[in-house]
Amino acid sequence: MTSAYRFLPAPRRLGGTALAPAAATVCLRLGVWQLGRFHEKAAATRRESTTRPPEPCRRKFF
């Protein structure tokens, strides 16, 4: 009887097996970085909008 996991030690499979967790780690780190940048930009926008007076509305409604 052969093992069900006989395909795992194949050299071409080892590359993919090592690459998948590395790619997942990179994607996770980039997602965390992107979320941090979003929070920084939102905080800067909030600071800017509270320090300057509102602009008058120039839009014509009719």
N, C-alpha and C. Protein backbone atom coordinates (compact mmCIF):
# COMPACT_ATOMS: atom_id res chain seq x y z
N MET A 1 0.84 -1.18 0.00
CA MET A 1 0.00 0.00 0.00
C MET A 1 0.89 1.25 0.00
N THR A 2 0.56 2.21 -0.84
CA THR A 2 1.36 3.42 -0.93
C THR A 2 0.76 4.52 -0.07
N SER A 3 1.61 5.45 0.28
CA SER A 3 1.18 6.55 1.14
C SER A 3 0.37 7.56 0.32
N ALA A 4 -0.59 8.21 0.94
CA ALA A 4 -1.40 9.21 0.26
C ALA A 4 -0.62 10.50 0.04
N TYR A 5 0.45 10.70 0.79
CA TYR A 5 1.25 11.93 0.69
C TYR A 5 2.57 11.68 -0.04
N ARG A 6 2.59 10.73 -0.93
CA ARG A 6 3.81 10.39 -1.65
C ARG A 6 4.26 11.54 -2.55
N PHE A 7 3.35 12.40 -3.00
CA PHE A 7 3.68 13.47 -3.92
C PHE A 7 4.41 14.64 -3.24
N LEU A 8 4.34 14.77 -1.92
CA LEU A 8 4.92 15.93 -1.24
C LEU A 8 6.43 16.08 -1.41
N PRO A 9 7.24 15.01 -1.33
CA PRO A 9 8.68 15.22 -1.43
C PRO A 9 9.18 15.53 -2.85
N ALA A 10 8.34 15.54 -3.83
CA ALA A 10 8.79 15.82 -5.19
C ALA A 10 9.41 17.21 -5.25
N PRO A 11 10.56 17.35 -5.89
CA PRO A 11 11.27 18.64 -5.91
C PRO A 11 10.42 19.79 -6.47
N ARG A 12 9.64 19.53 -7.47
CA ARG A 12 8.82 20.62 -8.02
C ARG A 12 7.72 21.04 -7.05
N ARG A 13 7.32 20.19 -6.16
CA ARG A 13 6.30 20.53 -5.16
C ARG A 13 6.91 21.28 -3.98
N LEU A 14 8.18 21.06 -3.68
CA LEU A 14 8.80 21.72 -2.55
C LEU A 14 8.87 23.23 -2.76
N GLY A 15 9.13 23.65 -3.99
CA GLY A 15 9.18 25.08 -4.29
C GLY A 15 7.84 25.75 -4.03
N GLY A 16 6.77 25.14 -4.51
CA GLY A 16 5.44 25.69 -4.29
C GLY A 16 5.03 25.65 -2.84
N THR A 17 5.43 24.59 -2.15
CA THR A 17 5.12 24.46 -0.74
C THR A 17 5.83 25.54 0.08
N ALA A 18 7.04 25.89 -0.31
CA ALA A 18 7.78 26.94 0.40
C ALA A 18 7.31 28.32 -0.02
N LEU A 19 6.88 28.46 -1.26
CA LEU A 19 6.49 29.77 -1.78
C LEU A 19 5.13 30.23 -1.25
N ALA A 20 4.21 29.32 -1.06
CA ALA A 20 2.86 29.69 -0.63
C ALA A 20 2.84 30.40 0.73
N PRO A 21 3.49 29.90 1.77
CA PRO A 21 3.48 30.64 3.04
C PRO A 21 4.23 31.97 2.94
N ALA A 22 5.28 32.01 2.13
CA ALA A 22 6.02 33.26 1.96
C ALA A 22 5.14 34.30 1.28
N ALA A 23 4.43 33.90 0.25
CA ALA A 23 3.54 34.83 -0.46
C ALA A 23 2.40 35.29 0.46
N ALA A 24 1.87 34.39 1.25
CA ALA A 24 0.81 34.76 2.18
C ALA A 24 1.32 35.76 3.22
N THR A 25 2.54 35.57 3.69
CA THR A 25 3.13 36.50 4.66
C THR A 25 3.32 37.87 4.05
N VAL A 26 3.83 37.91 2.82
CA VAL A 26 4.03 39.19 2.14
C VAL A 26 2.70 39.91 1.94
N CYS A 27 1.68 39.20 1.50
CA CYS A 27 0.37 39.81 1.30
C CYS A 27 -0.21 40.33 2.61
N LEU A 28 -0.04 39.59 3.67
CA LEU A 28 -0.54 40.02 4.98
C LEU A 28 0.17 41.28 5.44
N ARG A 29 1.50 41.31 5.32
CA ARG A 29 2.26 42.49 5.73
C ARG A 29 1.89 43.71 4.90
N LEU A 30 1.71 43.52 3.59
CA LEU A 30 1.32 44.65 2.74
C LEU A 30 -0.08 45.15 3.09
N GLY A 31 -0.97 44.26 3.45
CA GLY A 31 -2.31 44.66 3.86
C GLY A 31 -2.28 45.47 5.14
N VAL A 32 -1.46 45.07 6.10
CA VAL A 32 -1.33 45.81 7.35
C VAL A 32 -0.72 47.18 7.07
N TRP A 33 0.29 47.22 6.21
CA TRP A 33 0.91 48.49 5.85
C TRP A 33 -0.11 49.43 5.19
N GLN A 34 -0.89 48.89 4.27
CA GLN A 34 -1.88 49.70 3.56
C GLN A 34 -2.94 50.23 4.53
N LEU A 35 -3.36 49.43 5.47
CA LEU A 35 -4.33 49.87 6.46
C LEU A 35 -3.75 50.98 7.34
N GLY A 36 -2.49 50.85 7.71
CA GLY A 36 -1.83 51.89 8.48
C GLY A 36 -1.74 53.21 7.72
N ARG A 37 -1.42 53.13 6.44
CA ARG A 37 -1.37 54.34 5.61
C ARG A 37 -2.74 55.00 5.52
N PHE A 38 -3.78 54.18 5.41
CA PHE A 38 -5.14 54.72 5.36
C PHE A 38 -5.47 55.49 6.63
N HIS A 39 -5.13 54.91 7.79
CA HIS A 39 -5.42 55.56 9.05
C HIS A 39 -4.62 56.87 9.20
N GLU A 40 -3.38 56.88 8.73
CA GLU A 40 -2.58 58.11 8.77
C GLU A 40 -3.21 59.20 7.90
N LYS A 41 -3.63 58.83 6.71
CA LYS A 41 -4.22 59.81 5.80
C LYS A 41 -5.56 60.31 6.34
N ALA A 42 -6.36 59.43 6.90
CA ALA A 42 -7.65 59.84 7.46
C ALA A 42 -7.45 60.79 8.63
N ALA A 43 -6.46 60.52 9.47
CA ALA A 43 -6.18 61.40 10.61
C ALA A 43 -5.71 62.77 10.12
N ALA A 44 -4.86 62.79 9.08
CA ALA A 44 -4.39 64.06 8.54
C ALA A 44 -5.54 64.85 7.93
N THR A 45 -6.45 64.17 7.27
CA THR A 45 -7.60 64.84 6.67
C THR A 45 -8.51 65.41 7.75
N ARG A 46 -8.71 64.66 8.82
CA ARG A 46 -9.52 65.16 9.94
C ARG A 46 -8.88 66.38 10.59
N ARG A 47 -7.56 66.33 10.79
CA ARG A 47 -6.85 67.47 11.37
C ARG A 47 -6.99 68.70 10.48
N GLU A 48 -6.81 68.50 9.18
CA GLU A 48 -6.88 69.61 8.24
C GLU A 48 -8.28 70.20 8.18
N SER A 49 -9.29 69.36 8.20
CA SER A 49 -10.66 69.86 8.08
C SER A 49 -11.13 70.58 9.34
N THR A 50 -10.53 70.28 10.49
CA THR A 50 -10.94 70.95 11.71
C THR A 50 -10.17 72.24 11.94
N THR A 51 -9.06 72.46 11.25
CA THR A 51 -8.27 73.66 11.49
C THR A 51 -8.58 74.80 10.52
N ARG A 52 -9.14 74.51 9.39
CA ARG A 52 -9.43 75.59 8.45
C ARG A 52 -10.94 75.85 8.42
N PRO A 53 -11.32 77.09 8.13
CA PRO A 53 -12.75 77.41 8.09
C PRO A 53 -13.41 76.77 6.86
N PRO A 54 -14.69 76.50 6.92
CA PRO A 54 -15.37 75.89 5.78
C PRO A 54 -15.44 76.85 4.60
N GLU A 55 -15.38 76.29 3.41
CA GLU A 55 -15.47 77.11 2.20
C GLU A 55 -16.94 77.34 1.85
N PRO A 56 -17.25 78.52 1.29
CA PRO A 56 -18.62 78.76 0.90
C PRO A 56 -19.04 77.87 -0.28
N CYS A 57 -20.30 77.54 -0.32
CA CYS A 57 -20.82 76.69 -1.37
C CYS A 57 -21.01 77.53 -2.64
N ARG A 58 -20.43 77.10 -3.73
CA ARG A 58 -20.52 77.83 -5.00
C ARG A 58 -21.39 77.09 -6.00
N ARG A 59 -21.98 76.03 -5.59
CA ARG A 59 -22.79 75.23 -6.50
C ARG A 59 -24.13 75.87 -6.72
N LYS A 60 -24.58 75.88 -7.95
CA LYS A 60 -25.90 76.43 -8.29
C LYS A 60 -26.91 75.28 -8.27
N PHE A 61 -27.96 75.46 -7.57
CA PHE A 61 -28.94 74.40 -7.43
C PHE A 61 -30.04 74.46 -8.50
N PHE A 62 -30.21 75.61 -9.15
CA PHE A 62 -31.25 75.72 -10.16
C PHE A 62 -30.68 76.13 -11.48
